[in-house]
Amino acid sequence: MATGDIGLIGLAVMGQNLILNMNDKGFTVVAYNRTVSKVDHFLANEAKGTKIQGAHSIQELASKLKRPRKIVLLVKAGSAVDDFIAQLVPHLEQGDIIIDGGNSHYPDSIRRAKELEAKGLLFVGSGVSGGEEGARHGPSLMPGGSPAAWPAIKEIFQKTSAQVNGDPCCDWVGETGSGHYVKMVHNGIEYGDMQLIAEAYDILKRGMGLSEDEIADIFLRWNKGVLDSFLIEITANILKFKDDDGEPVLAKILDKAGQKGTGKWTAIAALDSGTAVTLIGEAVFARCLSAIKDERMRASKVIAGPQKEPFKGDKKQFIDDLEQALYASKIISYTQGFMLMRETAQEMGWNLNYAGIAKMWRGGCIIKSVFLGDITAAYQKNPKLESLLFDDFFKKAVSTAQPGWRRINAQATLWGIPTPAFSTALAFFDGYRSEILPANIIQAQRDYFGAHTFRVLPGKENERFKAGEDIHVNWTGRGGNVSASTYST
C-alpha cells in the first residue's frame, strides 16, 4: 500500500534538508537519488528514526506514493531535469504532479509544462530560496505552473515554508513559468543587495579606514533599523569572524566573485523586455569586473586615480548618510525588479499577485527583510501600483534619504572608490523623475544617419510635424524622404 505523501529526487544538501523539514511537518517523504548508495546512507544517518522512506529505483519511488503522486526534483538545472522527467513519465498516471524545485530558466519550465500537460500530467516550476538553513527550517517557496496541481501540493508547501507572523512564505505565483521567473528576479535582486552591501563595506574600509570589527558594529546597528535583513545580519557575522591567527577571514578572501547565472538571466530578461533594471545589471557586471583580478592588478600599477585624503568629516553623519544611501538604493532595486515582473506578466498573460510575492520573500529566503513587509503593504493597498516610487511610504523614504544618498555618491567619486550600484540607483531615480530626458537628441541622430524617424512632442505639432506620425527629416538636404523604419520606443 502506498503511504508516501511526496517524493523527492536529489540528496544533495538542499534535498536532504527539505526532506527532513517536510518530515518534521508530519509528511511521509520518499527519497531517491541517482546514486542509490546515498539513499541508504541518508536513511542510516540523517534520516534515522524518522518516517522517511527510501527508494532504489524510479519505479519503486512511484509505487510508494499516494495518488495523485507528487514528486519534487532538486537536481542541477538543465538536461538533468529533462532526463529525470523522461524516466518518471512511464511510471506516472494522469493527474500526477512533477515539481522542479531547482534554479531552472523559466522558458524551460514553460516548455516542460506544455509537454507534460499533453501527456495528462501536471507540472510545477517552483522557486526555492533560503539555502541550506532555509531548506531545513523553512524556505521561501514560489510555485507556479499547472493550476490543477496547487490544491494537491498546497498544504505540504505552505507547512514546509517559512512562517512570518503565522503567514506561510509560500503562495501560488501564477501560470506556467511564473514560479521560476519570480525566483529568477528574486536572485537578481539578491545580486543587487549583495553588491550594494559590498560597496558600503568598501566605502567604510577604504574610504574611512575602519577595521572589520568597527564595520561589523555599524552593520549590527543598521540591522536594528530600516535595513534589518538576513544579508545585513550575516555580513556583520562575516566581518567579525576571525582566523586562528586573529586576522579577519574576510581580509584573506580573494576578491573574485563567482556567479551561477540567475543574475545574468534577470539582466537579459530586462534587456529583452526593454525595462531599465539597471542596478541588477550593474551588479552582474561588477562581478565580471572582479573576475579579471590579474588584469586589475596590472592596471593598478599604471593607471593613477585621485590622491586619497584621510577622512576629516563628521563620522557619525557620514555613516548615517551611508545607511540612507543603502536604503534608497535598495528601494530602487526592488522598484526595478517589480517593474520587470509587471512588464513580463503583461507580455506573458500572467496574473501575478505582487503583494503575495513580497509576502513570500519576507522570510526563509536570502533577501528576507523587514523592508519586504512595506512592499507587501504597498501592493495590498494598491494591487495595480505602477511603481513603488508612487507609494506614499517609499516616496517619503527616498525623499528623506536623498541628501545623504547624493553626498555618499559624490564622496565615493572624489575618493575614486567604484560604486556602480549606488551610482546607477541614483541615476535611475533622477531619470525616472525627469519629465524631459535628452533622448530627443538620440532620436534626431538616429534619423540623421539612418532615417529611423521620430515623433513630435505634444504641443509642438504643426502642418509639417503631425501628432502620432513617424517623421523623417532630410537633415542635410542631400538625403531622401524614405525612412528606414518606424519609430520604436
Protein backbone atom coordinates (compact mmCIF):
# COMPACT_ATOMS: atom_id res chain seq x y z
CA MET A 1 0.00 0.00 0.00
CA ALA A 2 1.35 3.43 -0.98
CA THR A 3 1.99 5.60 2.09
CA GLY A 4 4.27 8.38 0.80
CA ASP A 5 2.80 11.90 0.74
CA ILE A 6 5.50 13.25 -1.56
CA GLY A 7 8.67 12.04 -3.27
CA LEU A 8 11.93 13.92 -3.65
CA ILE A 9 14.73 13.20 -6.09
CA GLY A 10 18.18 14.60 -5.27
CA LEU A 11 20.02 14.10 -2.00
CA ALA A 12 22.46 16.98 -2.11
CA VAL A 13 22.39 19.48 0.77
CA MET A 14 19.13 21.21 -0.29
CA GLY A 15 17.33 17.93 -0.98
CA GLN A 16 18.27 16.28 2.30
CA ASN A 17 17.31 19.31 4.36
CA LEU A 18 13.99 19.83 2.59
CA ILE A 19 13.10 16.16 3.17
CA LEU A 20 13.93 16.46 6.88
CA ASN A 21 11.87 19.67 7.05
CA MET A 22 8.84 18.00 5.42
CA ASN A 23 9.19 15.05 7.79
CA ASP A 24 9.19 17.42 10.78
CA LYS A 25 5.92 18.89 9.49
CA GLY A 26 4.27 15.46 9.59
CA PHE A 27 4.58 14.38 5.95
CA THR A 28 5.89 11.00 4.81
CA VAL A 29 8.61 11.62 2.23
CA VAL A 30 10.07 9.04 -0.16
CA ALA A 31 13.71 9.83 -1.04
CA TYR A 32 15.53 8.80 -4.21
CA ASN A 33 18.94 9.61 -5.65
CA ARG A 34 20.57 8.52 -8.89
CA THR A 35 23.48 7.15 -6.84
CA VAL A 36 21.33 4.84 -4.73
CA SER A 37 24.03 4.29 -2.09
CA LYS A 38 23.31 7.88 -1.00
CA VAL A 39 19.73 6.84 -0.20
CA ASP A 40 20.93 4.10 2.17
CA HIS A 41 23.48 6.42 3.77
CA PHE A 42 20.84 9.11 4.29
CA LEU A 43 18.38 6.66 5.86
CA ALA A 44 21.05 5.25 8.17
CA ASN A 45 22.30 8.66 9.31
CA GLU A 46 20.48 11.99 8.94
CA ALA A 47 17.05 10.35 8.46
CA LYS A 48 17.49 7.66 11.12
CA GLY A 49 14.46 7.35 13.40
CA THR A 50 12.15 9.32 11.06
CA LYS A 51 9.21 8.32 8.84
CA ILE A 52 11.31 9.00 5.73
CA GLN A 53 11.27 6.12 3.23
CA GLY A 54 13.86 5.27 0.61
CA ALA A 55 13.53 4.15 -3.00
CA HIS A 56 16.20 2.41 -5.06
CA SER A 57 14.58 2.98 -8.44
CA ILE A 58 12.17 5.36 -10.14
CA GLN A 59 9.63 2.54 -10.30
CA GLU A 60 9.87 1.93 -6.55
CA LEU A 61 9.57 5.67 -5.89
CA ALA A 62 6.34 5.86 -7.91
CA SER A 63 4.93 2.73 -6.27
CA LYS A 64 5.35 4.17 -2.75
CA LEU A 65 3.45 7.42 -3.41
CA LYS A 66 -0.23 8.17 -2.79
CA ARG A 67 -2.20 9.42 -5.80
CA PRO A 68 -2.01 11.93 -7.24
CA ARG A 69 1.72 11.32 -6.99
CA LYS A 70 3.76 14.41 -6.14
CA ILE A 71 7.48 14.29 -6.97
CA VAL A 72 9.96 17.10 -6.36
CA LEU A 73 13.14 17.31 -8.43
CA LEU A 74 16.04 19.02 -6.66
CA VAL A 75 18.73 18.39 -9.25
CA LYS A 76 21.02 20.59 -11.32
CA ALA A 77 19.13 22.79 -13.78
CA GLY A 78 19.28 21.84 -17.44
CA SER A 79 19.48 18.42 -19.02
CA ALA A 80 19.37 16.58 -15.66
CA VAL A 81 15.80 17.81 -15.13
CA ASP A 82 14.71 16.60 -18.58
CA ASP A 83 16.45 13.25 -18.01
CA PHE A 84 14.60 12.61 -14.77
CA ILE A 85 11.28 13.71 -16.24
CA ALA A 86 11.79 11.21 -19.09
CA GLN A 87 12.47 8.46 -16.55
CA LEU A 88 9.45 9.38 -14.43
CA VAL A 89 6.79 9.65 -17.14
CA PRO A 90 6.40 5.89 -17.87
CA HIS A 91 5.65 5.26 -14.18
CA LEU A 92 3.10 8.04 -13.69
CA GLU A 93 -0.64 8.30 -14.30
CA GLN A 94 -2.98 11.09 -15.37
CA GLY A 95 -3.07 13.89 -12.80
CA ASP A 96 0.28 13.06 -11.21
CA ILE A 97 2.50 16.06 -10.49
CA ILE A 98 6.17 16.70 -11.25
CA ILE A 99 7.68 19.66 -9.38
CA ASP A 100 11.00 21.17 -10.44
CA GLY A 101 12.47 22.87 -7.37
CA GLY A 102 15.83 23.75 -8.95
CA ASN A 103 17.03 27.03 -10.42
CA SER A 104 15.67 26.31 -13.89
CA HIS A 105 15.36 29.01 -16.52
CA TYR A 106 11.68 29.91 -16.87
CA PRO A 107 11.43 29.20 -20.66
CA ASP A 108 12.43 25.60 -19.85
CA SER A 109 9.58 25.42 -17.34
CA ILE A 110 7.10 26.69 -19.92
CA ARG A 111 8.27 24.01 -22.36
CA ARG A 112 8.17 21.21 -19.78
CA ALA A 113 4.66 22.14 -18.66
CA LYS A 114 3.34 22.00 -22.22
CA GLU A 115 4.99 18.64 -22.86
CA LEU A 116 3.72 17.08 -19.64
CA GLU A 117 0.21 18.51 -19.86
CA ALA A 118 -0.04 16.98 -23.34
CA LYS A 119 0.55 13.62 -21.63
CA GLY A 120 -2.10 14.26 -18.97
CA LEU A 121 0.45 15.09 -16.25
CA LEU A 122 0.79 18.29 -14.23
CA PHE A 123 3.95 20.37 -13.86
CA VAL A 124 5.02 22.93 -11.29
CA GLY A 125 8.17 25.04 -11.52
CA SER A 126 8.90 26.27 -8.02
CA GLY A 127 11.50 28.69 -6.82
CA VAL A 128 13.12 27.54 -3.56
CA SER A 129 15.14 30.11 -1.64
CA GLY A 130 16.90 30.12 1.69
CA GLY A 131 19.92 27.93 1.17
CA GLU A 132 20.77 25.06 3.49
CA GLU A 133 19.27 26.64 6.61
CA GLY A 134 16.09 27.70 4.83
CA ALA A 135 15.55 24.24 3.36
CA ARG A 136 15.93 22.67 6.81
CA HIS A 137 13.82 25.07 8.85
CA GLY A 138 11.55 26.83 6.34
CA PRO A 139 12.38 28.21 2.89
CA SER A 140 10.54 30.68 0.72
CA LEU A 141 8.68 28.66 -1.92
CA MET A 142 7.42 30.19 -5.18
CA PRO A 143 5.32 27.63 -7.11
CA GLY A 144 3.75 28.30 -10.50
CA GLY A 145 2.54 26.10 -13.33
CA SER A 146 -0.45 23.81 -13.91
CA PRO A 147 -3.21 25.37 -11.74
CA ALA A 148 -4.80 21.97 -11.01
CA ALA A 149 -1.63 20.97 -9.13
CA TRP A 150 -1.92 23.65 -6.44
CA PRO A 151 -4.73 22.13 -4.32
CA ALA A 152 -2.79 18.85 -4.16
CA ILE A 153 0.51 20.41 -3.01
CA LYS A 154 -0.74 23.48 -1.11
CA GLU A 155 -0.73 22.01 2.40
CA ILE A 156 2.70 20.41 2.04
CA PHE A 157 4.28 23.52 0.54
CA GLN A 158 2.75 26.03 2.93
CA LYS A 159 3.54 23.99 6.06
CA THR A 160 7.10 23.34 4.86
CA SER A 161 7.80 27.00 4.05
CA ALA A 162 8.98 29.69 6.47
CA GLN A 163 6.28 31.39 8.54
CA VAL A 164 6.12 35.13 9.30
CA ASN A 165 3.51 36.21 11.85
CA GLY A 166 1.64 32.97 11.15
CA ASP A 167 1.60 33.51 7.37
CA PRO A 168 3.41 30.99 5.13
CA CYS A 169 6.16 32.33 2.86
CA CYS A 170 4.55 30.42 0.03
CA ASP A 171 1.57 31.02 -2.22
CA TRP A 172 0.59 30.17 -5.76
CA VAL A 173 2.53 32.56 -8.00
CA GLY A 174 0.63 32.05 -11.24
CA GLU A 175 0.70 30.47 -14.64
CA THR A 176 3.30 28.24 -16.23
CA GLY A 177 6.85 29.59 -15.98
CA SER A 178 5.96 32.30 -13.49
CA GLY A 179 7.31 30.47 -10.42
CA HIS A 180 10.80 30.17 -11.83
CA TYR A 181 10.55 33.68 -13.31
CA VAL A 182 9.79 35.18 -9.90
CA LYS A 183 12.67 33.16 -8.39
CA MET A 184 14.95 34.47 -11.15
CA VAL A 185 14.01 38.07 -10.29
CA HIS A 186 14.49 37.24 -6.60
CA ASN A 187 18.02 36.07 -7.39
CA GLY A 188 18.69 39.17 -9.47
CA ILE A 189 17.59 41.37 -6.57
CA GLU A 190 19.85 39.26 -4.35
CA TYR A 191 22.79 40.15 -6.65
CA GLY A 192 21.86 43.83 -6.28
CA ASP A 193 21.55 43.68 -2.48
CA MET A 194 24.91 41.93 -2.18
CA GLN A 195 26.65 44.46 -4.44
CA LEU A 196 25.18 47.41 -2.51
CA ILE A 197 26.41 45.92 0.77
CA ALA A 198 29.85 45.30 -0.76
CA GLU A 199 30.04 48.95 -1.88
CA ALA A 200 29.03 50.17 1.59
CA TYR A 201 31.77 47.96 3.08
CA ASP A 202 34.31 49.33 0.57
CA ILE A 203 33.42 52.93 1.46
CA LEU A 204 33.80 52.22 5.17
CA LYS A 205 37.01 50.21 4.71
CA ARG A 206 38.92 52.12 2.03
CA GLY A 207 37.21 55.47 2.35
CA MET A 208 37.04 55.87 6.12
CA GLY A 209 39.82 53.44 7.03
CA LEU A 210 37.71 51.46 9.53
CA SER A 211 38.56 47.96 10.73
CA GLU A 212 36.39 44.92 10.12
CA ASP A 213 35.26 44.96 13.77
CA GLU A 214 34.25 48.62 13.53
CA ILE A 215 32.36 47.97 10.30
CA ALA A 216 30.65 44.95 11.86
CA ASP A 217 29.35 47.14 14.69
CA ILE A 218 27.94 49.57 12.13
CA PHE A 219 26.17 46.74 10.29
CA LEU A 220 24.76 45.39 13.56
CA ARG A 221 23.36 48.84 14.32
CA TRP A 222 21.90 49.11 10.81
CA ASN A 223 20.28 45.71 11.29
CA LYS A 224 18.09 47.21 14.03
CA GLY A 225 16.63 49.83 11.69
CA VAL A 226 15.26 50.13 8.15
CA LEU A 227 17.99 47.80 6.80
CA ASP A 228 17.02 44.89 9.11
CA SER A 229 17.62 41.87 6.86
CA PHE A 230 19.29 38.48 6.54
CA LEU A 231 22.12 39.78 4.35
CA ILE A 232 22.99 42.66 6.69
CA GLU A 233 22.95 40.23 9.63
CA ILE A 234 25.26 37.68 8.01
CA THR A 235 27.58 40.42 6.75
CA ALA A 236 28.11 41.57 10.34
CA ASN A 237 28.84 37.95 11.33
CA ILE A 238 31.29 37.58 8.42
CA LEU A 239 33.12 40.80 9.38
CA LYS A 240 33.61 39.59 12.96
CA PHE A 241 34.76 36.06 12.04
CA LYS A 242 38.47 35.56 12.82
CA ASP A 243 41.05 33.05 11.60
CA ASP A 244 43.22 31.15 14.10
CA ASP A 245 45.81 33.94 13.89
CA GLY A 246 43.27 36.55 14.95
CA GLU A 247 43.03 38.15 11.50
CA PRO A 248 39.56 38.53 9.92
CA VAL A 249 38.92 35.72 7.46
CA LEU A 250 37.32 38.30 5.14
CA ALA A 251 40.71 40.01 4.70
CA LYS A 252 42.12 36.74 3.31
CA ILE A 253 39.42 36.07 0.69
CA LEU A 254 40.35 36.65 -2.97
CA ASP A 255 38.27 39.50 -4.45
CA LYS A 256 36.88 37.49 -7.39
CA ALA A 257 33.11 36.92 -7.20
CA GLY A 258 31.54 33.84 -8.75
CA GLN A 259 28.07 33.54 -10.24
CA LYS A 260 25.77 30.77 -11.40
CA GLY A 261 23.82 32.73 -14.00
CA THR A 262 20.49 33.73 -12.46
CA GLY A 263 21.52 37.37 -12.10
CA LYS A 264 22.63 37.34 -15.73
CA TRP A 265 19.26 35.82 -16.74
CA THR A 266 17.49 38.68 -14.95
CA ALA A 267 19.60 41.28 -16.75
CA ILE A 268 18.98 39.59 -20.12
CA ALA A 269 15.24 39.40 -19.41
CA ALA A 270 15.29 43.14 -18.62
CA LEU A 271 17.05 43.91 -21.91
CA ASP A 272 14.64 41.67 -23.82
CA SER A 273 11.62 43.45 -22.34
CA GLY A 274 13.14 46.94 -22.59
CA THR A 275 12.89 47.50 -18.82
CA ALA A 276 15.54 49.65 -17.11
CA VAL A 277 16.68 47.17 -14.44
CA THR A 278 19.98 48.99 -14.19
CA LEU A 279 21.05 48.03 -10.67
CA ILE A 280 20.90 44.28 -11.17
CA GLY A 281 22.74 44.73 -14.47
CA GLU A 282 25.50 46.69 -12.75
CA ALA A 283 25.71 44.06 -10.00
CA VAL A 284 26.31 41.37 -12.64
CA PHE A 285 28.92 43.48 -14.43
CA ALA A 286 30.64 44.25 -11.11
CA ARG A 287 31.14 40.51 -10.61
CA CYS A 288 32.50 40.27 -14.15
CA LEU A 289 34.96 43.10 -13.42
CA SER A 290 36.02 41.43 -10.18
CA ALA A 291 36.79 38.26 -12.13
CA ILE A 292 39.64 39.88 -14.11
CA LYS A 293 41.82 40.15 -11.00
CA ASP A 294 45.17 39.77 -12.79
CA GLU A 295 44.33 42.49 -15.29
CA ARG A 296 43.14 44.80 -12.50
CA MET A 297 46.41 44.25 -10.65
CA ARG A 298 48.36 45.28 -13.75
CA ALA A 299 46.08 48.30 -14.26
CA SER A 300 46.56 49.40 -10.64
CA LYS A 301 50.30 49.77 -11.30
CA VAL A 302 49.96 52.01 -14.37
CA ILE A 303 46.66 53.93 -14.04
CA ALA A 304 46.51 56.60 -11.36
CA GLY A 305 43.34 57.78 -9.61
CA PRO A 306 42.76 60.65 -7.19
CA GLN A 307 45.13 61.07 -4.26
CA LYS A 308 43.40 59.53 -1.24
CA GLU A 309 42.92 62.01 1.59
CA PRO A 310 42.19 60.89 5.17
CA PHE A 311 38.53 61.27 6.16
CA LYS A 312 38.10 64.55 8.06
CA GLY A 313 34.33 64.98 8.14
CA ASP A 314 31.63 64.20 10.67
CA LYS A 315 31.99 60.42 11.08
CA LYS A 316 28.51 59.85 12.53
CA GLN A 317 26.82 61.95 9.85
CA PHE A 318 28.70 60.15 7.10
CA ILE A 319 27.71 56.71 8.41
CA ASP A 320 24.10 57.86 8.72
CA ASP A 321 24.29 59.13 5.11
CA LEU A 322 25.64 55.75 4.02
CA GLU A 323 22.76 53.96 5.75
CA GLN A 324 20.29 56.16 3.88
CA ALA A 325 22.13 55.69 0.58
CA LEU A 326 21.99 51.92 1.02
CA TYR A 327 18.29 52.07 1.91
CA ALA A 328 17.36 54.34 -1.01
CA SER A 329 19.39 52.28 -3.49
CA LYS A 330 17.69 49.13 -2.22
CA ILE A 331 14.28 50.75 -2.80
CA ILE A 332 15.34 51.48 -6.38
CA SER A 333 16.49 47.89 -6.93
CA TYR A 334 13.17 46.43 -5.77
CA THR A 335 11.27 49.07 -7.74
CA GLN A 336 13.08 47.91 -10.86
CA GLY A 337 12.54 44.22 -10.05
CA PHE A 338 8.78 44.67 -9.66
CA MET A 339 8.67 46.78 -12.85
CA LEU A 340 10.31 43.87 -14.69
CA MET A 341 7.80 41.37 -13.30
CA ARG A 342 4.91 43.65 -14.26
CA GLU A 343 6.21 44.07 -17.81
CA THR A 344 6.75 40.34 -18.33
CA ALA A 345 3.39 39.46 -16.75
CA GLN A 346 1.66 41.69 -19.32
CA GLU A 347 3.63 40.12 -22.14
CA MET A 348 3.06 36.52 -20.97
CA GLY A 349 -0.53 36.93 -19.80
CA TRP A 350 0.36 36.08 -16.20
CA ASN A 351 -1.83 37.33 -13.37
CA LEU A 352 0.83 37.90 -10.71
CA ASN A 353 -0.04 38.79 -7.13
CA TYR A 354 2.68 41.33 -6.26
CA ALA A 355 1.67 41.67 -2.61
CA GLY A 356 1.78 37.88 -2.35
CA ILE A 357 5.24 37.76 -3.94
CA ALA A 358 6.64 40.32 -1.49
CA LYS A 359 4.96 38.38 1.33
CA MET A 360 6.67 35.15 0.17
CA TRP A 361 10.05 36.89 0.34
CA ARG A 362 9.60 38.18 3.92
CA GLY A 363 11.03 35.02 5.46
CA GLY A 364 13.06 31.94 4.62
CA CYS A 365 14.87 33.43 1.65
CA ILE A 366 18.19 35.20 1.13
CA ILE A 367 16.62 38.63 0.58
CA LYS A 368 14.25 38.39 3.57
CA SER A 369 13.94 41.72 5.35
CA VAL A 370 11.58 43.95 7.31
CA PHE A 371 11.54 46.13 4.19
CA LEU A 372 9.52 43.50 2.30
CA GLY A 373 6.64 44.00 4.73
CA ASP A 374 6.45 47.60 3.50
CA ILE A 375 6.36 46.39 -0.12
CA THR A 376 3.59 43.92 0.78
CA ALA A 377 1.59 46.75 2.37
CA ALA A 378 2.08 48.98 -0.69
CA TYR A 379 0.69 46.35 -3.08
CA GLN A 380 -2.11 45.35 -0.69
CA LYS A 381 -3.18 49.00 -0.62
CA ASN A 382 -2.99 49.25 -4.42
CA PRO A 383 -2.65 45.93 -6.32
CA LYS A 384 -2.22 47.88 -9.59
CA LEU A 385 0.55 50.12 -8.21
CA GLU A 386 2.57 51.32 -11.19
CA SER A 387 5.80 51.77 -9.25
CA LEU A 388 6.93 51.55 -5.63
CA LEU A 389 8.09 55.15 -6.03
CA PHE A 390 4.42 56.19 -6.37
CA ASP A 391 3.58 54.73 -2.96
CA ASP A 392 3.48 57.35 -0.18
CA PHE A 393 5.71 55.32 2.17
CA PHE A 394 8.51 54.82 -0.37
CA LYS A 395 8.16 58.29 -1.82
CA LYS A 396 8.76 59.74 1.65
CA ALA A 397 11.60 57.30 2.39
CA VAL A 398 13.52 58.24 -0.76
CA SER A 399 12.86 61.93 -0.21
CA THR A 400 14.33 61.66 3.30
CA ALA A 401 17.34 59.70 2.00
CA GLN A 402 18.14 61.98 -0.95
CA PRO A 403 20.62 64.43 0.65
CA GLY A 404 22.77 61.68 2.22
CA TRP A 405 22.46 59.48 -0.87
CA ARG A 406 23.87 62.26 -3.04
CA ARG A 407 26.66 63.10 -0.60
CA ILE A 408 27.78 59.45 -0.50
CA ASN A 409 27.89 59.16 -4.29
CA ALA A 410 29.81 62.43 -4.55
CA GLN A 411 32.37 61.46 -1.89
CA ALA A 412 32.92 57.99 -3.35
CA THR A 413 33.62 59.60 -6.73
CA LEU A 414 36.10 62.04 -5.18
CA TRP A 415 37.85 59.14 -3.44
CA GLY A 416 37.94 57.06 -6.62
CA ILE A 417 36.02 54.20 -4.99
CA PRO A 418 33.79 52.47 -7.54
CA THR A 419 30.09 52.41 -6.61
CA PRO A 420 28.31 51.08 -9.71
CA ALA A 421 25.17 50.04 -7.80
CA PHE A 422 24.86 53.20 -5.68
CA SER A 423 25.55 55.37 -8.73
CA THR A 424 23.13 53.66 -11.10
CA ALA A 425 20.39 53.69 -8.44
CA LEU A 426 20.67 57.46 -8.14
CA ALA A 427 20.92 57.90 -11.92
CA PHE A 428 17.76 55.83 -12.41
CA PHE A 429 15.96 57.85 -9.74
CA ASP A 430 16.92 61.13 -11.40
CA GLY A 431 15.96 59.79 -14.83
CA TYR A 432 12.64 58.36 -13.61
CA ARG A 433 11.60 61.66 -12.03
CA SER A 434 12.57 63.70 -15.14
CA GLU A 435 9.71 64.82 -17.36
CA ILE A 436 12.24 65.57 -20.10
CA LEU A 437 15.28 63.41 -20.94
CA PRO A 438 17.88 64.03 -23.68
CA ALA A 439 16.55 61.11 -25.75
CA ASN A 440 15.31 63.69 -28.28
CA ILE A 441 18.87 64.21 -29.50
CA ILE A 442 19.36 60.43 -29.79
CA GLN A 443 16.25 60.21 -31.96
CA ALA A 444 17.49 63.13 -34.07
CA GLN A 445 20.87 61.41 -34.51
CA ARG A 446 19.18 58.13 -35.46
CA ASP A 447 17.04 59.90 -38.01
CA TYR A 448 20.03 61.90 -39.33
CA PHE A 449 22.30 58.93 -40.03
CA GLY A 450 19.73 56.16 -40.53
CA ALA A 451 16.36 57.74 -41.36
CA HIS A 452 14.88 55.95 -38.33
CA THR A 453 12.19 58.66 -37.81
CA PHE A 454 11.00 60.44 -34.68
CA ARG A 455 7.76 61.66 -33.21
CA VAL A 456 6.93 65.20 -32.18
CA LEU A 457 6.34 66.43 -28.61
CA PRO A 458 2.72 67.14 -27.67
CA GLY A 459 2.07 70.84 -28.18
CA LYS A 460 4.78 71.13 -30.85
CA GLU A 461 2.68 69.83 -33.74
CA ASN A 462 2.21 71.86 -36.92
CA GLU A 463 1.50 71.28 -40.60
CA ARG A 464 4.89 69.68 -41.07
CA PHE A 465 5.04 67.73 -37.77
CA LYS A 466 1.77 65.91 -37.13
CA ALA A 467 0.90 64.20 -33.81
CA GLY A 468 1.30 60.43 -33.72
CA GLU A 469 3.13 60.24 -37.06
CA ASP A 470 6.58 58.77 -37.69
CA ILE A 471 8.51 61.70 -39.11
CA HIS A 472 11.72 61.75 -41.15
CA VAL A 473 13.59 64.97 -41.89
CA ASN A 474 16.11 65.49 -44.71
CA TRP A 475 18.69 66.99 -42.34
CA THR A 476 21.46 67.61 -44.89
CA GLY A 477 19.44 68.45 -47.97
CA ARG A 478 21.22 65.56 -49.68
CA GLY A 479 19.13 62.70 -48.23
CA GLY A 480 15.84 61.36 -49.45
CA ASN A 481 12.40 61.27 -47.90
CA VAL A 482 12.19 57.50 -47.44
CA SER A 483 12.52 56.36 -43.81
CA ALA A 484 14.34 53.17 -42.81
CA SER A 485 11.95 52.09 -40.08
CA THR A 486 9.13 53.33 -37.94
CA TYR A 487 9.50 54.96 -34.57
CA SER A 488 10.07 52.47 -31.79
CA THR A 489 10.07 53.03 -28.01
